[in-house]
Amino acid sequence: MVNDFKSGFIAIVGRPNVGKSTLLNRILGQKIAITSNKPQTTRNRILGIHNFEGGQALFVDTPGIHKPQGKLNRYMVDQAISACSDVDLVLFLVEANDQPGGGDEYILRLLEKGNAPVCLVINKIDMVEPPSLLALIDAYSQRFQFKEVVPICAEKGDGVPQLLKAIEPYIPAGPQYYPEDMLTDQPERFIVAEMVREKVMRRISEEIPYGVAVRVETFEEKPEKNLVVIQATIHVERDSHKKIIVGKQGQMIRTLGKEARIEIERFLGTRVFLELFVRVDKDWSQSERMLRELGYE
């Protein structure tokens, strides 16, 4: 009997804040990648598993490709670039309301060096009129020979079913790598830590969120109580940052904890007791030892 099952790896790449994680969450129908309106929210490669009739598409969400400054940023860009190697297809995500710039040109030069076919995915089409969209497609098509061009709105889901259909022909024959009930290969601890960090990214302004990391210290399941008890540490680089995250009389950290707990409960499907701590680790983002301890290696 001939096995006609299809499976393949698809990298989602683009500049920071173009909607890569939003697209992955939309494809999966569940949130596994955090999002915010701040660039460089995604720091790690995240694998999302999408099953379709007769096949499995393995999407790799990547940090935004940008000019790195510092060890953490270099780690993030290396994660994105390495994700483009040994994949079957690359989705190059751009914004409909933004003209091609130096960052896009840099990514296209990287993609030219690879062997994988590339699809241009134009996000946020709800923000432009059709003539502007056609002009943007023309501008990109003159620069690179894309296999497909698919306009979408990841936030609303418009065009995403068409995108999934368009990529199927590029998925080769292969094994079923993961069970059908799996959405990601990331452990629950990782996603929980990311959900806490997302609340900091969304609530705290200025540069502080870029110097924040979260580590889950304990994750204790109590099935007899339908409860998971979680303790997590928010690492910051300055004493002043700690004061802002804790807030006046602890108000901010209580707000962060409440918002994170609600989302973690939705993700885990059970009640959660979440306890947050804040710890100062001076310049942790420039320390190779701390980067390794916090999972950036």
Protein backbone atom coordinates (compact mmCIF):
# COMPACT_ATOMS: atom_id res chain seq x y z
CA MET A 1 0.00 0.00 0.00
CA VAL A 2 1.43 3.38 -0.99
CA ASN A 3 1.61 5.90 1.83
CA ASP A 4 0.35 9.18 0.38
CA PHE A 5 0.47 11.11 3.70
CA LYS A 6 2.06 14.57 3.40
CA SER A 7 4.06 16.45 6.00
CA GLY A 8 6.38 19.43 5.85
CA PHE A 9 7.96 22.30 7.75
CA ILE A 10 6.95 25.88 6.95
CA ALA A 11 8.83 28.88 8.36
CA ILE A 12 6.96 32.14 8.98
CA VAL A 13 9.45 35.00 8.67
CA GLY A 14 9.32 38.77 8.44
CA ARG A 15 10.25 41.99 10.16
CA PRO A 16 9.25 42.54 13.81
CA ASN A 17 5.57 43.15 14.54
CA VAL A 18 4.09 42.20 11.16
CA GLY A 19 1.74 39.60 12.68
CA LYS A 20 3.63 36.29 12.50
CA SER A 21 2.44 35.02 15.89
CA THR A 22 -1.10 36.23 15.23
CA LEU A 23 -1.10 34.23 12.00
CA LEU A 24 0.16 31.09 13.73
CA ASN A 25 -2.51 31.35 16.43
CA ARG A 26 -5.18 31.88 13.76
CA ILE A 27 -4.05 28.80 11.81
CA LEU A 28 -4.10 26.63 14.93
CA GLY A 29 -7.37 28.03 16.26
CA GLN A 30 -5.80 28.43 19.70
CA LYS A 31 -3.28 30.79 21.23
CA ILE A 32 0.17 29.28 21.74
CA ALA A 33 2.31 32.27 20.68
CA ILE A 34 2.15 35.55 22.57
CA THR A 35 1.43 38.83 20.82
CA SER A 36 1.69 42.54 21.61
CA ASN A 37 1.97 45.82 19.75
CA LYS A 38 5.65 46.00 20.65
CA PRO A 39 8.23 44.67 18.18
CA GLN A 40 10.45 41.73 19.15
CA THR A 41 7.77 40.15 21.35
CA THR A 42 8.63 36.66 20.02
CA ARG A 43 12.07 35.50 21.16
CA ASN A 44 12.07 31.76 20.45
CA ARG A 45 11.11 29.59 17.53
CA ILE A 46 7.69 28.09 18.23
CA LEU A 47 6.37 25.06 16.37
CA GLY A 48 2.66 24.92 15.59
CA ILE A 49 1.08 21.70 14.30
CA HIS A 50 -1.75 22.01 11.79
CA ASN A 51 -3.48 18.83 10.61
CA PHE A 52 -5.41 18.66 7.35
CA GLU A 53 -6.97 15.77 5.46
CA GLY A 54 -4.10 13.48 4.47
CA GLY A 55 -1.36 15.63 5.91
CA GLN A 56 0.33 17.65 8.62
CA ALA A 57 1.83 21.13 8.24
CA LEU A 58 4.42 22.12 10.84
CA PHE A 59 4.62 25.90 11.10
CA VAL A 60 7.66 27.53 12.67
CA ASP A 61 6.94 30.99 14.11
CA THR A 62 10.14 33.03 14.33
CA PRO A 63 11.38 36.22 16.00
CA GLY A 64 11.28 39.28 13.77
CA ILE A 65 14.43 39.70 11.72
CA HIS A 66 16.09 43.00 12.58
CA LYS A 67 19.53 44.52 13.04
CA PRO A 68 20.61 42.95 16.34
CA GLN A 69 22.07 44.92 19.22
CA GLY A 70 23.24 42.86 22.17
CA LYS A 71 23.42 39.15 22.91
CA LEU A 72 19.68 38.55 23.34
CA ASN A 73 18.83 40.25 20.03
CA ARG A 74 21.55 38.30 18.22
CA TYR A 75 20.06 35.10 19.65
CA MET A 76 16.62 36.09 18.38
CA VAL A 77 17.80 36.88 14.85
CA ASP A 78 19.86 33.65 14.72
CA GLN A 79 16.70 31.73 15.67
CA ALA A 80 14.80 33.27 12.76
CA ILE A 81 17.55 32.81 10.18
CA SER A 82 18.26 29.20 11.16
CA ALA A 83 14.54 28.42 10.88
CA CYS A 84 14.74 29.14 7.15
CA SER A 85 17.16 26.27 6.59
CA ASP A 86 15.86 22.74 6.04
CA VAL A 87 12.23 23.80 5.62
CA ASP A 88 9.95 22.90 2.73
CA LEU A 89 8.40 26.35 2.37
CA VAL A 90 8.88 29.90 3.66
CA LEU A 91 6.03 32.32 4.26
CA PHE A 92 7.42 35.86 3.99
CA LEU A 93 4.97 38.02 5.92
CA VAL A 94 4.71 41.76 5.23
CA GLU A 95 2.22 44.51 6.08
CA ALA A 96 -0.20 45.83 3.46
CA ASN A 97 0.09 49.37 4.79
CA ASP A 98 3.89 49.51 4.69
CA GLN A 99 6.11 49.90 1.64
CA PRO A 100 9.15 47.61 1.15
CA GLY A 101 12.11 48.93 3.11
CA GLY A 102 15.65 48.06 4.07
CA GLY A 103 14.54 45.39 6.53
CA ASP A 104 12.49 43.60 3.88
CA GLU A 105 15.38 43.85 1.43
CA TYR A 106 17.71 42.24 3.97
CA ILE A 107 15.30 39.33 4.51
CA LEU A 108 14.84 38.82 0.76
CA ARG A 109 18.62 38.61 0.31
CA LEU A 110 18.70 35.89 2.98
CA LEU A 111 15.86 34.01 1.27
CA GLU A 112 17.68 34.18 -2.06
CA LYS A 113 20.49 32.15 -0.53
CA GLY A 114 18.13 29.34 0.46
CA ASN A 115 16.58 26.56 -1.57
CA ALA A 116 13.05 26.63 -0.18
CA PRO A 117 10.20 28.10 -2.25
CA VAL A 118 8.84 31.37 -0.84
CA CYS A 119 5.26 32.61 -0.64
CA LEU A 120 4.54 36.29 -0.12
CA VAL A 121 1.82 36.75 2.52
CA ILE A 122 0.48 40.30 2.78
CA ASN A 123 -1.12 40.87 6.17
CA LYS A 124 -3.51 43.59 7.44
CA ILE A 125 -5.27 44.00 4.09
CA ASP A 126 -8.22 45.56 5.94
CA MET A 127 -6.11 48.71 6.31
CA VAL A 128 -5.64 49.48 2.58
CA GLU A 129 -7.69 49.97 -0.57
CA PRO A 130 -7.36 47.49 -3.50
CA PRO A 131 -5.25 49.82 -5.74
CA SER A 132 -2.65 50.19 -2.98
CA LEU A 133 -2.60 46.44 -2.45
CA LEU A 134 -2.05 45.77 -6.16
CA ALA A 135 0.79 48.30 -6.25
CA LEU A 136 2.44 46.61 -3.26
CA ILE A 137 2.16 43.17 -4.87
CA ASP A 138 3.78 44.56 -8.01
CA ALA A 139 6.62 46.15 -6.02
CA TYR A 140 7.47 42.90 -4.24
CA SER A 141 7.02 40.74 -7.34
CA GLN A 142 9.62 42.81 -9.19
CA ARG A 143 12.10 42.10 -6.42
CA PHE A 144 11.61 38.34 -5.90
CA GLN A 145 10.07 35.38 -7.71
CA PHE A 146 7.42 34.25 -5.25
CA LYS A 147 5.63 30.95 -5.77
CA GLU A 148 2.37 32.35 -4.42
CA VAL A 149 1.05 35.73 -3.28
CA VAL A 150 -1.74 35.58 -0.71
CA PRO A 151 -3.38 38.65 0.90
CA ILE A 152 -4.77 38.02 4.41
CA CYS A 153 -5.95 39.62 7.61
CA ALA A 154 -4.58 37.34 10.35
CA GLU A 155 -6.44 39.21 13.09
CA LYS A 156 -9.86 38.56 11.50
CA GLY A 157 -8.99 35.34 9.66
CA ASP A 158 -9.71 36.71 6.18
CA GLY A 159 -7.72 34.86 3.53
CA VAL A 160 -6.23 32.32 5.96
CA PRO A 161 -8.20 29.33 4.56
CA GLN A 162 -7.01 30.35 1.07
CA LEU A 163 -3.44 30.51 2.36
CA LEU A 164 -3.67 26.99 3.80
CA LYS A 165 -4.97 25.69 0.47
CA ALA A 166 -2.21 27.49 -1.44
CA ILE A 167 0.59 25.90 0.57
CA GLU A 168 -0.64 22.28 0.36
CA PRO A 169 1.00 21.57 -3.04
CA TYR A 170 4.40 22.49 -1.55
CA ILE A 171 4.14 19.97 1.30
CA PRO A 172 5.98 16.77 0.32
CA ALA A 173 5.15 13.17 1.15
CA GLY A 174 6.26 12.34 4.66
CA PRO A 175 5.39 10.77 8.01
CA GLN A 176 2.99 12.02 10.62
CA TYR A 177 5.45 13.58 13.05
CA TYR A 178 3.02 14.36 15.87
CA PRO A 179 -0.31 13.00 17.17
CA GLU A 180 -3.41 14.79 15.89
CA ASP A 181 -4.25 16.20 19.33
CA MET A 182 -0.92 18.06 19.66
CA LEU A 183 -0.78 21.77 18.80
CA THR A 184 2.87 22.46 19.63
CA ASP A 185 6.05 20.75 20.75
CA GLN A 186 6.64 23.39 23.43
CA PRO A 187 6.09 22.26 27.05
CA GLU A 188 3.27 23.80 29.05
CA ARG A 189 5.80 25.55 31.31
CA PHE A 190 7.21 27.46 28.33
CA ILE A 191 3.80 28.68 27.17
CA VAL A 192 2.78 29.65 30.71
CA ALA A 193 5.97 31.70 31.12
CA GLU A 194 5.33 33.38 27.78
CA MET A 195 1.77 34.26 28.77
CA VAL A 196 3.07 36.02 31.87
CA ARG A 197 5.67 37.88 29.81
CA GLU A 198 2.99 38.95 27.34
CA LYS A 199 1.09 40.74 30.11
CA VAL A 200 4.25 42.68 30.97
CA MET A 201 4.77 43.53 27.29
CA ARG A 202 1.22 44.85 27.06
CA ARG A 203 0.94 46.63 30.40
CA ILE A 204 4.38 48.20 30.85
CA SER A 205 5.53 50.98 28.54
CA GLU A 206 8.91 52.24 27.33
CA GLU A 207 11.95 49.95 27.28
CA ILE A 208 11.29 47.88 30.40
CA PRO A 209 9.57 44.90 28.65
CA TYR A 210 12.66 44.29 26.52
CA GLY A 211 14.63 43.61 29.70
CA VAL A 212 12.09 41.15 31.11
CA ALA A 213 12.24 37.36 31.13
CA VAL A 214 9.97 34.90 32.92
CA ARG A 215 10.82 31.51 34.37
CA VAL A 216 8.33 29.04 35.83
CA GLU A 217 9.82 27.76 39.09
CA THR A 218 7.11 25.27 40.09
CA PHE A 219 4.23 23.69 38.18
CA GLU A 220 2.27 21.39 40.47
CA GLU A 221 -0.84 19.61 39.23
CA LYS A 222 -3.54 18.74 41.77
CA PRO A 223 -6.12 16.82 39.74
CA GLU A 224 -8.21 15.97 42.83
CA LYS A 225 -8.85 19.72 43.20
CA ASN A 226 -8.98 20.49 39.46
CA LEU A 227 -6.10 22.88 40.14
CA VAL A 228 -2.59 23.71 38.96
CA VAL A 229 -0.32 25.67 41.32
CA ILE A 230 2.28 27.76 39.51
CA GLN A 231 5.09 29.92 40.85
CA ALA A 232 6.91 32.11 38.32
CA THR A 233 9.73 34.64 38.56
CA ILE A 234 9.83 37.81 36.46
CA HIS A 235 13.48 38.71 35.88
CA VAL A 236 14.35 42.38 35.30
CA GLU A 237 17.61 44.24 34.81
CA ARG A 238 17.16 47.26 37.11
CA ASP A 239 15.85 47.98 40.61
CA SER A 240 13.75 50.76 39.08
CA HIS A 241 12.16 48.22 36.72
CA LYS A 242 11.20 46.01 39.65
CA LYS A 243 9.45 48.93 41.36
CA ILE A 244 7.39 49.63 38.24
CA ILE A 245 6.36 46.00 37.74
CA VAL A 246 5.44 45.55 41.42
CA GLY A 247 3.62 48.89 41.34
CA LYS A 248 2.30 51.06 44.13
CA GLN A 249 1.29 48.78 47.03
CA GLY A 250 1.70 45.78 44.68
CA GLN A 251 -1.15 46.86 42.41
CA MET A 252 0.62 46.28 39.08
CA ILE A 253 1.89 42.78 39.83
CA ARG A 254 -1.59 41.80 41.07
CA THR A 255 -3.06 43.05 37.78
CA LEU A 256 -0.43 41.17 35.76
CA GLY A 257 -1.08 38.02 37.77
CA LYS A 258 -4.85 38.20 37.35
CA GLU A 259 -4.66 38.75 33.58
CA ALA A 260 -2.10 35.97 33.13
CA ARG A 261 -4.04 33.55 35.34
CA ILE A 262 -7.24 33.96 33.29
CA GLU A 263 -5.38 33.18 30.06
CA ILE A 264 -3.43 30.27 31.56
CA GLU A 265 -6.67 28.75 32.86
CA ARG A 266 -8.13 28.98 29.36
CA PHE A 267 -5.03 27.31 27.93
CA LEU A 268 -4.75 24.51 30.52
CA GLY A 269 -8.51 23.94 30.90
CA THR A 270 -8.33 23.94 34.69
CA ARG A 271 -8.27 26.29 37.67
CA VAL A 272 -4.90 27.92 38.32
CA PHE A 273 -3.28 29.44 41.41
CA LEU A 274 -0.54 31.72 40.09
CA GLU A 275 2.08 33.37 42.30
CA LEU A 276 4.48 35.88 40.75
CA PHE A 277 7.81 37.12 42.08
CA VAL A 278 10.14 39.80 40.70
CA ARG A 279 13.92 39.42 40.79
CA VAL A 280 16.62 41.83 39.70
CA ASP A 281 19.45 40.30 37.63
CA LYS A 282 21.61 43.20 36.49
CA ASP A 283 22.04 43.22 32.68
CA TRP A 284 20.89 39.61 32.35
CA SER A 285 20.28 40.06 28.60
CA GLN A 286 24.03 40.59 28.10
CA SER A 287 25.08 37.59 30.20
CA GLU A 288 25.63 34.31 28.37
CA ARG A 289 25.16 32.39 31.62
CA MET A 290 21.82 34.06 32.36
CA LEU A 291 20.66 33.68 28.76
CA ARG A 292 21.31 29.93 29.01
CA GLU A 293 19.56 29.66 32.38
CA LEU A 294 16.51 31.46 31.01
CA GLY A 295 16.32 29.21 27.95
CA TYR A 296 17.87 31.49 25.31
CA GLU A 297 20.56 29.18 23.94
